[in-house]
Amino acid sequence: MQRTTDGWATAGPGLDERATGPLVRLGLLRAAPCEDQAGLPAKAGRTAAWAVQLTDDGWDALLYAQVRAAPPTAEAPSPGLQQVGLRRSELDTLRRFLALRGRLRHAPAPGLESAVDAARFNAASNRWVVYVSGEQMESMARAFFLERLGGSAAPANRFARVYGVSYEPPPHDAGATATCG
């Protein structure tokens, strides 16, 4: 592939109509019009059978792919915070729990919502990573407890097994519920 000064890439090894056609159809590349292609041999120094140019979407796709492929910056958590790796379904459970924050009798711990919003995917562990305090860990355990009651016990079980935190409802006095006669 050889580039010209006006942004066209001319045919070379691996750059032909068959290879770039799908990208042209997606709108990521633009094929050179016949009149432009006729003038390319003089600029490229050889015959150009095919020439393409990145579109704005093509540039953006390359930039996005570069950022997406870059490993997330390893920020050290603030003192007192613990790193927690969550499966996608567990993150979804926390989001449902946080969506109820104004209606729950036991509100989520302060800062849990911002911690969940800041979750970053770690491809190496295939987990969403959040940094939370002990109080936020307890609140997460409560969310997984509620999920256990209405859906799946897997998040609560895994959280207790991996992080040693589980939510147990406070014991109630059985005598207080007896009928008065």
N, C-alpha and C. Protein backbone atom coordinates (compact mmCIF):
# COMPACT_ATOMS: atom_id res chain seq x y z
N MET A 1 0.85 -1.17 0.00
CA MET A 1 0.00 0.00 0.00
C MET A 1 0.90 1.23 0.00
N GLN A 2 0.50 2.17 -0.78
CA GLN A 2 1.25 3.41 -0.84
C GLN A 2 0.25 4.57 -0.71
N ARG A 3 0.60 5.55 0.11
CA ARG A 3 -0.26 6.70 0.32
C ARG A 3 0.17 7.84 -0.59
N THR A 4 -0.83 8.57 -1.04
CA THR A 4 -0.54 9.77 -1.81
C THR A 4 -0.71 10.96 -0.88
N THR A 5 -0.28 12.11 -1.34
CA THR A 5 -0.35 13.31 -0.49
C THR A 5 -1.77 13.77 -0.24
N ASP A 6 -2.73 13.34 -1.05
CA ASP A 6 -4.11 13.78 -0.84
C ASP A 6 -4.95 12.75 -0.08
N GLY A 7 -4.29 11.79 0.58
CA GLY A 7 -5.00 10.87 1.46
C GLY A 7 -5.48 9.58 0.84
N TRP A 8 -5.20 9.35 -0.43
CA TRP A 8 -5.62 8.12 -1.06
C TRP A 8 -4.58 7.04 -0.79
N ALA A 9 -5.03 5.82 -0.56
CA ALA A 9 -4.14 4.67 -0.44
C ALA A 9 -4.34 3.84 -1.69
N THR A 10 -3.27 3.61 -2.42
CA THR A 10 -3.37 2.89 -3.68
C THR A 10 -3.10 1.41 -3.47
N ALA A 11 -3.54 0.62 -4.44
CA ALA A 11 -3.43 -0.83 -4.36
C ALA A 11 -2.01 -1.29 -4.13
N GLY A 12 -1.91 -2.29 -3.36
CA GLY A 12 -0.64 -2.92 -3.05
C GLY A 12 -0.95 -4.25 -2.42
N PRO A 13 0.03 -4.89 -1.82
CA PRO A 13 -0.24 -6.18 -1.19
C PRO A 13 -1.34 -6.06 -0.13
N GLY A 14 -2.41 -6.83 -0.27
CA GLY A 14 -3.49 -6.83 0.69
C GLY A 14 -4.49 -5.71 0.53
N LEU A 15 -4.28 -4.81 -0.40
CA LEU A 15 -5.22 -3.70 -0.61
C LEU A 15 -5.73 -3.77 -2.03
N ASP A 16 -6.86 -4.42 -2.19
CA ASP A 16 -7.51 -4.49 -3.48
C ASP A 16 -9.01 -4.39 -3.27
N GLU A 17 -9.74 -4.39 -4.36
CA GLU A 17 -11.18 -4.21 -4.27
C GLU A 17 -11.85 -5.31 -3.45
N ARG A 18 -11.36 -6.52 -3.58
CA ARG A 18 -11.95 -7.64 -2.84
C ARG A 18 -11.72 -7.48 -1.33
N ALA A 19 -10.54 -7.04 -0.93
CA ALA A 19 -10.22 -6.90 0.49
C ALA A 19 -10.89 -5.67 1.11
N THR A 20 -11.00 -4.59 0.38
CA THR A 20 -11.53 -3.36 0.95
C THR A 20 -13.02 -3.15 0.66
N GLY A 21 -13.58 -3.95 -0.24
CA GLY A 21 -14.99 -3.82 -0.59
C GLY A 21 -15.93 -3.83 0.61
N PRO A 22 -15.78 -4.77 1.56
CA PRO A 22 -16.68 -4.76 2.73
C PRO A 22 -16.58 -3.47 3.55
N LEU A 23 -15.39 -2.91 3.64
CA LEU A 23 -15.22 -1.66 4.38
C LEU A 23 -15.84 -0.48 3.64
N VAL A 24 -15.80 -0.54 2.32
CA VAL A 24 -16.46 0.51 1.52
C VAL A 24 -17.97 0.41 1.73
N ARG A 25 -18.52 -0.82 1.71
CA ARG A 25 -19.96 -1.00 1.90
C ARG A 25 -20.41 -0.56 3.29
N LEU A 26 -19.55 -0.69 4.29
CA LEU A 26 -19.87 -0.23 5.65
C LEU A 26 -19.73 1.29 5.80
N GLY A 27 -19.14 1.93 4.81
CA GLY A 27 -18.95 3.37 4.87
C GLY A 27 -17.70 3.80 5.61
N LEU A 28 -16.79 2.85 5.86
CA LEU A 28 -15.55 3.18 6.56
C LEU A 28 -14.46 3.64 5.60
N LEU A 29 -14.56 3.21 4.36
CA LEU A 29 -13.64 3.63 3.30
C LEU A 29 -14.46 4.17 2.15
N ARG A 30 -13.81 5.00 1.35
CA ARG A 30 -14.43 5.55 0.14
C ARG A 30 -13.53 5.18 -1.01
N ALA A 31 -14.10 4.56 -2.03
CA ALA A 31 -13.33 4.19 -3.22
C ALA A 31 -13.10 5.44 -4.06
N ALA A 32 -11.94 5.50 -4.66
CA ALA A 32 -11.60 6.66 -5.49
C ALA A 32 -12.50 6.69 -6.73
N PRO A 33 -13.07 7.85 -7.02
CA PRO A 33 -13.83 7.97 -8.27
C PRO A 33 -12.89 7.77 -9.46
N CYS A 34 -13.44 7.36 -10.58
CA CYS A 34 -12.63 7.07 -11.77
C CYS A 34 -11.73 8.24 -12.16
N GLU A 35 -12.26 9.48 -12.10
CA GLU A 35 -11.45 10.63 -12.50
C GLU A 35 -10.26 10.84 -11.55
N ASP A 36 -10.45 10.61 -10.25
CA ASP A 36 -9.33 10.72 -9.31
C ASP A 36 -8.35 9.56 -9.48
N GLN A 37 -8.90 8.39 -9.73
CA GLN A 37 -8.05 7.21 -9.87
C GLN A 37 -7.14 7.33 -11.09
N ALA A 38 -7.63 8.03 -12.14
CA ALA A 38 -6.81 8.20 -13.35
C ALA A 38 -5.57 9.04 -13.07
N GLY A 39 -5.66 9.98 -12.13
CA GLY A 39 -4.51 10.84 -11.83
C GLY A 39 -3.59 10.28 -10.77
N LEU A 40 -3.94 9.17 -10.17
CA LEU A 40 -3.13 8.62 -9.09
C LEU A 40 -1.80 8.00 -9.54
N PRO A 41 -1.70 7.40 -10.72
CA PRO A 41 -0.40 6.81 -11.07
C PRO A 41 0.74 7.81 -11.01
N ALA A 42 0.50 9.05 -11.39
CA ALA A 42 1.57 10.06 -11.35
C ALA A 42 1.95 10.37 -9.91
N LYS A 43 0.97 10.43 -9.02
CA LYS A 43 1.25 10.72 -7.62
C LYS A 43 1.89 9.53 -6.90
N ALA A 44 1.42 8.32 -7.25
CA ALA A 44 1.91 7.13 -6.56
C ALA A 44 3.21 6.61 -7.18
N GLY A 45 3.49 7.02 -8.40
CA GLY A 45 4.71 6.54 -9.05
C GLY A 45 4.53 5.21 -9.75
N ARG A 46 3.30 4.70 -9.79
CA ARG A 46 3.01 3.46 -10.49
C ARG A 46 1.52 3.40 -10.80
N THR A 47 1.12 2.39 -11.54
CA THR A 47 -0.28 2.24 -11.92
C THR A 47 -1.12 1.91 -10.69
N ALA A 48 -2.25 2.57 -10.56
CA ALA A 48 -3.16 2.32 -9.44
C ALA A 48 -4.44 1.72 -9.98
N ALA A 49 -4.66 0.44 -9.69
CA ALA A 49 -5.87 -0.23 -10.14
C ALA A 49 -7.03 0.01 -9.16
N TRP A 50 -6.70 0.37 -7.95
CA TRP A 50 -7.73 0.55 -6.93
C TRP A 50 -7.18 1.50 -5.88
N ALA A 51 -7.99 2.41 -5.42
CA ALA A 51 -7.56 3.35 -4.39
C ALA A 51 -8.73 3.62 -3.46
N VAL A 52 -8.41 3.76 -2.18
CA VAL A 52 -9.44 4.04 -1.18
C VAL A 52 -8.95 5.14 -0.25
N GLN A 53 -9.90 5.73 0.45
CA GLN A 53 -9.60 6.78 1.41
C GLN A 53 -10.50 6.56 2.62
N LEU A 54 -9.97 6.77 3.82
CA LEU A 54 -10.79 6.64 5.03
C LEU A 54 -11.86 7.73 5.07
N THR A 55 -13.07 7.34 5.46
CA THR A 55 -14.13 8.31 5.68
C THR A 55 -14.03 8.80 7.12
N ASP A 56 -14.86 9.76 7.48
CA ASP A 56 -14.87 10.22 8.88
C ASP A 56 -15.23 9.07 9.81
N ASP A 57 -16.18 8.23 9.42
CA ASP A 57 -16.54 7.07 10.24
C ASP A 57 -15.37 6.09 10.32
N GLY A 58 -14.60 5.95 9.25
CA GLY A 58 -13.43 5.08 9.26
C GLY A 58 -12.38 5.57 10.25
N TRP A 59 -12.12 6.87 10.24
CA TRP A 59 -11.17 7.45 11.19
C TRP A 59 -11.65 7.22 12.62
N ASP A 60 -12.95 7.48 12.85
CA ASP A 60 -13.50 7.30 14.19
C ASP A 60 -13.45 5.85 14.64
N ALA A 61 -13.73 4.93 13.71
CA ALA A 61 -13.67 3.49 14.05
C ALA A 61 -12.25 3.08 14.42
N LEU A 62 -11.25 3.59 13.70
CA LEU A 62 -9.86 3.27 14.05
C LEU A 62 -9.49 3.84 15.41
N LEU A 63 -9.89 5.08 15.67
CA LEU A 63 -9.60 5.69 16.95
C LEU A 63 -10.27 4.94 18.09
N TYR A 64 -11.54 4.59 17.90
CA TYR A 64 -12.29 3.85 18.92
C TYR A 64 -11.66 2.48 19.16
N ALA A 65 -11.28 1.79 18.11
CA ALA A 65 -10.66 0.47 18.25
C ALA A 65 -9.34 0.57 19.00
N GLN A 66 -8.59 1.63 18.76
CA GLN A 66 -7.32 1.82 19.44
C GLN A 66 -7.53 2.03 20.94
N VAL A 67 -8.52 2.85 21.30
CA VAL A 67 -8.80 3.11 22.70
C VAL A 67 -9.37 1.86 23.37
N ARG A 68 -10.24 1.15 22.65
CA ARG A 68 -10.87 -0.05 23.20
C ARG A 68 -9.83 -1.14 23.45
N ALA A 69 -8.84 -1.24 22.59
CA ALA A 69 -7.83 -2.28 22.71
C ALA A 69 -6.80 -1.95 23.79
N ALA A 70 -6.69 -0.70 24.14
CA ALA A 70 -5.70 -0.31 25.16
C ALA A 70 -6.15 -0.84 26.51
N PRO A 71 -5.23 -1.39 27.28
CA PRO A 71 -5.63 -1.87 28.60
C PRO A 71 -6.07 -0.70 29.47
N PRO A 72 -7.07 -0.95 30.33
CA PRO A 72 -7.50 0.14 31.20
C PRO A 72 -6.37 0.57 32.11
N THR A 73 -6.36 1.84 32.40
CA THR A 73 -5.30 2.34 33.28
C THR A 73 -5.51 1.75 34.66
N ALA A 74 -4.46 1.23 35.21
CA ALA A 74 -4.53 0.60 36.51
C ALA A 74 -4.40 1.68 37.58
N GLU A 75 -5.53 2.17 37.99
CA GLU A 75 -5.54 3.18 39.04
C GLU A 75 -5.55 2.48 40.38
N ALA A 76 -4.70 2.92 41.25
CA ALA A 76 -4.69 2.36 42.60
C ALA A 76 -5.94 2.81 43.32
N PRO A 77 -6.61 1.87 43.96
CA PRO A 77 -7.82 2.27 44.68
C PRO A 77 -7.46 3.15 45.87
N SER A 78 -8.41 3.95 46.27
CA SER A 78 -8.21 4.78 47.45
C SER A 78 -8.01 3.87 48.66
N PRO A 79 -7.31 4.35 49.66
CA PRO A 79 -7.12 3.54 50.87
C PRO A 79 -8.47 3.14 51.46
N GLY A 80 -8.57 1.91 51.88
CA GLY A 80 -9.81 1.42 52.49
C GLY A 80 -10.79 0.83 51.50
N LEU A 81 -10.49 0.88 50.21
CA LEU A 81 -11.38 0.30 49.21
C LEU A 81 -10.85 -1.04 48.76
N GLN A 82 -11.77 -1.94 48.45
CA GLN A 82 -11.40 -3.26 47.99
C GLN A 82 -11.84 -3.44 46.55
N GLN A 83 -11.03 -4.12 45.79
CA GLN A 83 -11.37 -4.42 44.40
C GLN A 83 -12.30 -5.63 44.39
N VAL A 84 -13.40 -5.50 43.65
CA VAL A 84 -14.37 -6.58 43.53
C VAL A 84 -14.60 -6.83 42.05
N GLY A 85 -14.53 -8.09 41.64
CA GLY A 85 -14.79 -8.48 40.26
C GLY A 85 -16.19 -9.06 40.14
N LEU A 86 -17.00 -8.48 39.28
CA LEU A 86 -18.39 -8.90 39.14
C LEU A 86 -18.67 -9.45 37.75
N ARG A 87 -19.50 -10.45 37.71
CA ARG A 87 -20.02 -10.92 36.42
C ARG A 87 -21.03 -9.91 35.92
N ARG A 88 -21.32 -9.96 34.64
CA ARG A 88 -22.27 -9.00 34.05
C ARG A 88 -23.63 -9.09 34.75
N SER A 89 -24.09 -10.31 35.02
CA SER A 89 -25.39 -10.49 35.67
C SER A 89 -25.39 -9.89 37.08
N GLU A 90 -24.26 -9.95 37.77
CA GLU A 90 -24.16 -9.37 39.11
C GLU A 90 -24.18 -7.85 39.05
N LEU A 91 -23.53 -7.29 38.05
CA LEU A 91 -23.57 -5.84 37.86
C LEU A 91 -24.99 -5.39 37.55
N ASP A 92 -25.71 -6.18 36.75
CA ASP A 92 -27.11 -5.87 36.45
C ASP A 92 -27.97 -5.93 37.71
N THR A 93 -27.70 -6.90 38.58
CA THR A 93 -28.43 -7.00 39.85
C THR A 93 -28.21 -5.74 40.68
N LEU A 94 -26.96 -5.28 40.77
CA LEU A 94 -26.67 -4.07 41.53
C LEU A 94 -27.37 -2.86 40.93
N ARG A 95 -27.43 -2.79 39.63
CA ARG A 95 -28.11 -1.65 38.99
C ARG A 95 -29.61 -1.66 39.30
N ARG A 96 -30.22 -2.87 39.31
CA ARG A 96 -31.64 -2.95 39.68
C ARG A 96 -31.84 -2.50 41.12
N PHE A 97 -30.95 -2.93 42.00
CA PHE A 97 -31.00 -2.57 43.42
C PHE A 97 -30.87 -1.05 43.58
N LEU A 98 -29.94 -0.47 42.86
CA LEU A 98 -29.72 0.98 42.96
C LEU A 98 -30.88 1.77 42.37
N ALA A 99 -31.56 1.21 41.39
CA ALA A 99 -32.71 1.89 40.79
C ALA A 99 -33.86 2.04 41.79
N LEU A 100 -33.87 1.21 42.83
CA LEU A 100 -34.92 1.26 43.85
C LEU A 100 -34.54 2.11 45.05
N ARG A 101 -33.41 2.78 44.99
CA ARG A 101 -32.83 3.46 46.17
C ARG A 101 -33.81 4.36 46.91
N GLY A 102 -34.69 5.03 46.26
CA GLY A 102 -35.62 5.93 46.96
C GLY A 102 -36.78 5.21 47.60
N ARG A 103 -37.01 3.95 47.25
CA ARG A 103 -38.16 3.21 47.75
C ARG A 103 -37.79 2.12 48.74
N LEU A 104 -36.53 1.77 48.84
CA LEU A 104 -36.10 0.71 49.76
C LEU A 104 -36.12 1.20 51.20
N ARG A 105 -36.43 0.32 52.13
CA ARG A 105 -36.40 0.65 53.55
C ARG A 105 -34.97 0.75 54.05
N HIS A 106 -34.07 -0.06 53.47
CA HIS A 106 -32.64 -0.02 53.78
C HIS A 106 -31.93 0.43 52.50
N ALA A 107 -31.66 1.70 52.42
CA ALA A 107 -31.08 2.28 51.20
C ALA A 107 -29.68 1.73 50.95
N PRO A 108 -29.25 1.73 49.70
CA PRO A 108 -27.87 1.33 49.39
C PRO A 108 -26.87 2.23 50.10
N ALA A 109 -25.72 1.68 50.38
CA ALA A 109 -24.67 2.44 51.06
C ALA A 109 -24.27 3.65 50.23
N PRO A 110 -23.94 4.74 50.91
CA PRO A 110 -23.48 5.93 50.19
C PRO A 110 -22.26 5.61 49.33
N GLY A 111 -22.27 6.10 48.11
CA GLY A 111 -21.14 5.92 47.20
C GLY A 111 -21.21 4.65 46.37
N LEU A 112 -22.15 3.75 46.67
CA LEU A 112 -22.22 2.50 45.90
C LEU A 112 -22.60 2.78 44.45
N GLU A 113 -23.51 3.71 44.26
CA GLU A 113 -23.94 4.02 42.89
C GLU A 113 -22.78 4.55 42.05
N SER A 114 -21.99 5.43 42.61
CA SER A 114 -20.85 5.96 41.84
C SER A 114 -19.80 4.88 41.60
N ALA A 115 -19.64 3.96 42.55
CA ALA A 115 -18.70 2.85 42.36
C ALA A 115 -19.16 1.94 41.22
N VAL A 116 -20.46 1.66 41.18
CA VAL A 116 -21.01 0.82 40.11
C VAL A 116 -20.92 1.54 38.77
N ASP A 117 -21.20 2.83 38.77
CA ASP A 117 -21.09 3.61 37.53
C ASP A 117 -19.66 3.63 37.01
N ALA A 118 -18.69 3.55 37.90
CA ALA A 118 -17.27 3.60 37.52
C ALA A 118 -16.71 2.22 37.18
N ALA A 119 -17.55 1.18 37.21
CA ALA A 119 -17.08 -0.18 36.92
C ALA A 119 -16.43 -0.23 35.54
N ARG A 120 -15.32 -0.92 35.45
CA ARG A 120 -14.59 -1.09 34.19
C ARG A 120 -14.41 -2.57 33.92
N PHE A 121 -14.56 -2.94 32.66
CA PHE A 121 -14.42 -4.35 32.28
C PHE A 121 -12.95 -4.72 32.16
N ASN A 122 -12.59 -5.83 32.77
CA ASN A 122 -11.23 -6.37 32.70
C ASN A 122 -11.31 -7.64 31.86
N ALA A 123 -10.80 -7.58 30.65
CA ALA A 123 -10.90 -8.72 29.74
C ALA A 123 -10.12 -9.93 30.25
N ALA A 124 -9.02 -9.70 30.93
CA ALA A 124 -8.20 -10.81 31.42
C ALA A 124 -8.97 -11.67 32.41
N SER A 125 -9.75 -11.05 33.30
CA SER A 125 -10.51 -11.81 34.29
C SER A 125 -11.96 -12.03 33.87
N ASN A 126 -12.37 -11.40 32.77
CA ASN A 126 -13.74 -11.46 32.28
C ASN A 126 -14.72 -10.99 33.38
N ARG A 127 -14.34 -9.95 34.08
CA ARG A 127 -15.16 -9.41 35.17
C ARG A 127 -15.21 -7.89 35.09
N TRP A 128 -16.28 -7.33 35.64
CA TRP A 128 -16.41 -5.89 35.81
C TRP A 128 -15.80 -5.56 37.16
N VAL A 129 -14.84 -4.66 37.18
CA VAL A 129 -14.11 -4.33 38.40
C VAL A 129 -14.66 -3.04 39.02
N VAL A 130 -14.99 -3.14 40.31
CA VAL A 130 -15.43 -1.98 41.08
C VAL A 130 -14.58 -1.92 42.35
N TYR A 131 -14.43 -0.72 42.88
CA TYR A 131 -13.70 -0.51 44.12
C TYR A 131 -14.70 0.00 45.15
N VAL A 132 -14.85 -0.75 46.24
CA VAL A 132 -15.87 -0.42 47.23
C VAL A 132 -15.32 -0.51 48.65
N SER A 133 -16.03 0.17 49.55
CA SER A 133 -15.69 0.14 50.98
C SER A 133 -16.37 -1.06 51.62
N GLY A 134 -16.06 -1.29 52.88
CA GLY A 134 -16.71 -2.39 53.61
C GLY A 134 -18.21 -2.21 53.70
N GLU A 135 -18.65 -0.99 53.96
CA GLU A 135 -20.09 -0.70 54.04
C GLU A 135 -20.76 -0.96 52.68
N GLN A 136 -20.09 -0.60 51.61
CA GLN A 136 -20.64 -0.83 50.27
C GLN A 136 -20.66 -2.33 49.96
N MET A 137 -19.67 -3.07 50.47
CA MET A 137 -19.68 -4.54 50.29
C MET A 137 -20.90 -5.14 50.96
N GLU A 138 -21.22 -4.67 52.17
CA GLU A 138 -22.40 -5.15 52.88
C GLU A 138 -23.67 -4.84 52.09
N SER A 139 -23.71 -3.65 51.51
CA SER A 139 -24.87 -3.25 50.71
C SER A 139 -24.99 -4.12 49.46
N MET A 140 -23.85 -4.45 48.85
CA MET A 140 -23.87 -5.35 47.69
C MET A 140 -24.40 -6.72 48.10
N ALA A 141 -23.97 -7.20 49.26
CA ALA A 141 -24.44 -8.50 49.74
C ALA A 141 -25.95 -8.48 49.94
N ARG A 142 -26.49 -7.35 50.41
CA ARG A 142 -27.94 -7.23 50.58
C ARG A 142 -28.65 -7.27 49.22
N ALA A 143 -28.07 -6.61 48.22
CA ALA A 143 -28.66 -6.66 46.88
C ALA A 143 -28.69 -8.10 46.37
N PHE A 144 -27.62 -8.85 46.61
CA PHE A 144 -27.57 -10.24 46.15
C PHE A 144 -28.54 -11.12 46.96
N PHE A 145 -28.76 -10.76 48.23
CA PHE A 145 -29.76 -11.45 49.05
C PHE A 145 -31.15 -11.25 48.44
N LEU A 146 -31.47 -10.01 48.08
CA LEU A 146 -32.77 -9.73 47.46
C LEU A 146 -32.91 -10.46 46.13
N GLU A 147 -31.82 -10.54 45.38
CA GLU A 147 -31.84 -11.29 44.11
C GLU A 147 -32.11 -12.77 44.39
N ARG A 148 -31.54 -13.29 45.46
CA ARG A 148 -31.76 -14.70 45.83
C ARG A 148 -33.24 -14.94 46.09
N LEU A 149 -33.90 -14.01 46.77
CA LEU A 149 -35.32 -14.18 47.10
C LEU A 149 -36.21 -14.13 45.87
N GLY A 150 -35.84 -13.31 44.90
CA GLY A 150 -36.70 -13.13 43.74
C GLY A 150 -36.18 -13.73 42.46
N GLY A 151 -35.04 -14.37 42.49
CA GLY A 151 -34.48 -14.87 41.23
C GLY A 151 -33.46 -15.96 41.44
N SER A 152 -32.21 -15.59 41.42
CA SER A 152 -31.12 -16.56 41.46
C SER A 152 -30.28 -16.42 42.73
N ALA A 153 -29.89 -17.55 43.28
CA ALA A 153 -29.03 -17.56 44.46
C ALA A 153 -27.56 -17.49 44.08
N ALA A 154 -27.25 -17.65 42.81
CA ALA A 154 -25.85 -17.71 42.37
C ALA A 154 -25.05 -16.46 42.74
N PRO A 155 -25.54 -15.24 42.52
CA PRO A 155 -24.73 -14.07 42.89
C PRO A 155 -24.41 -14.00 44.38
N ALA A 156 -25.40 -14.27 45.22
CA ALA A 156 -25.18 -14.23 46.67
C ALA A 156 -24.19 -15.31 47.09
N ASN A 157 -24.34 -16.50 46.53
CA ASN A 157 -23.43 -17.60 46.88
C ASN A 157 -22.01 -17.30 46.45
N ARG A 158 -21.82 -16.80 45.23
CA ARG A 158 -20.48 -16.52 44.74
C ARG A 158 -19.84 -15.38 45.53
N PHE A 159 -20.63 -14.35 45.82
CA PHE A 159 -20.10 -13.21 46.57
C PHE A 159 -19.65 -13.65 47.97
N ALA A 160 -20.43 -14.49 48.61
CA ALA A 160 -20.06 -15.00 49.94
C ALA A 160 -18.83 -15.89 49.86
N ARG A 161 -18.77 -16.72 48.85
CA ARG A 161 -17.64 -17.64 48.69
C ARG A 161 -16.34 -16.89 48.38
N VAL A 162 -16.40 -15.94 47.44
CA VAL A 162 -15.19 -15.26 46.99
C VAL A 162 -14.75 -14.16 47.95
N TYR A 163 -15.71 -13.38 48.47
CA TYR A 163 -15.36 -12.20 49.27
C TYR A 163 -15.68 -12.37 50.76
N GLY A 164 -16.35 -13.46 51.12
CA GLY A 164 -16.65 -13.70 52.53
C GLY A 164 -17.69 -12.77 53.11
N VAL A 165 -18.51 -12.17 52.27
CA VAL A 165 -19.54 -11.24 52.75
C VAL A 165 -20.90 -11.75 52.31
N SER A 166 -21.78 -11.89 53.28
CA SER A 166 -23.16 -12.28 52.95
C SER A 166 -24.10 -11.47 53.84
N TYR A 167 -25.32 -11.37 53.40
CA TYR A 167 -26.33 -10.63 54.17
C TYR A 167 -27.25 -11.65 54.83
N GLU A 168 -27.39 -11.50 56.12
CA GLU A 168 -28.34 -12.31 56.88
C GLU A 168 -29.32 -11.34 57.53
N PRO A 169 -30.62 -11.53 57.29
CA PRO A 169 -31.58 -10.62 57.91
C PRO A 169 -31.50 -10.74 59.43
N PRO A 170 -31.76 -9.65 60.13
CA PRO A 170 -31.70 -9.72 61.60
C PRO A 170 -32.77 -10.68 62.12
N PRO A 171 -32.46 -11.38 63.22
CA PRO A 171 -33.46 -12.31 63.77
C PRO A 171 -34.64 -11.53 64.35
N HIS A 172 -35.81 -12.11 64.21
CA HIS A 172 -37.02 -11.48 64.74
C HIS A 172 -37.51 -12.30 65.92
N ASP A 173 -38.14 -11.64 66.86
CA ASP A 173 -38.68 -12.33 68.03
C ASP A 173 -39.95 -13.06 67.61
N ALA A 174 -39.91 -14.38 67.65
CA ALA A 174 -41.07 -15.18 67.22
C ALA A 174 -42.27 -14.95 68.13
N GLY A 175 -42.04 -14.64 69.40
CA GLY A 175 -43.15 -14.41 70.33
C GLY A 175 -43.91 -13.13 70.03
N ALA A 176 -43.28 -12.18 69.38
CA ALA A 176 -43.94 -10.91 69.09
C ALA A 176 -45.01 -11.05 68.04
N THR A 177 -44.99 -12.13 67.27
CA THR A 177 -45.97 -12.31 66.21
C THR A 177 -47.15 -13.15 66.67
N ALA A 178 -47.13 -13.62 67.92
CA ALA A 178 -48.23 -14.46 68.42
C ALA A 178 -49.49 -13.59 68.55
N THR A 179 -50.63 -14.22 68.34
CA THR A 179 -51.89 -13.48 68.45
C THR A 179 -52.24 -13.27 69.93
N CYS A 180 -52.82 -12.16 70.20
CA CYS A 180 -53.21 -11.82 71.58
C CYS A 180 -54.64 -12.30 71.78
N GLY A 181 -54.91 -12.88 72.91
CA GLY A 181 -56.23 -13.43 73.10
C GLY A 181 -56.90 -12.90 74.22
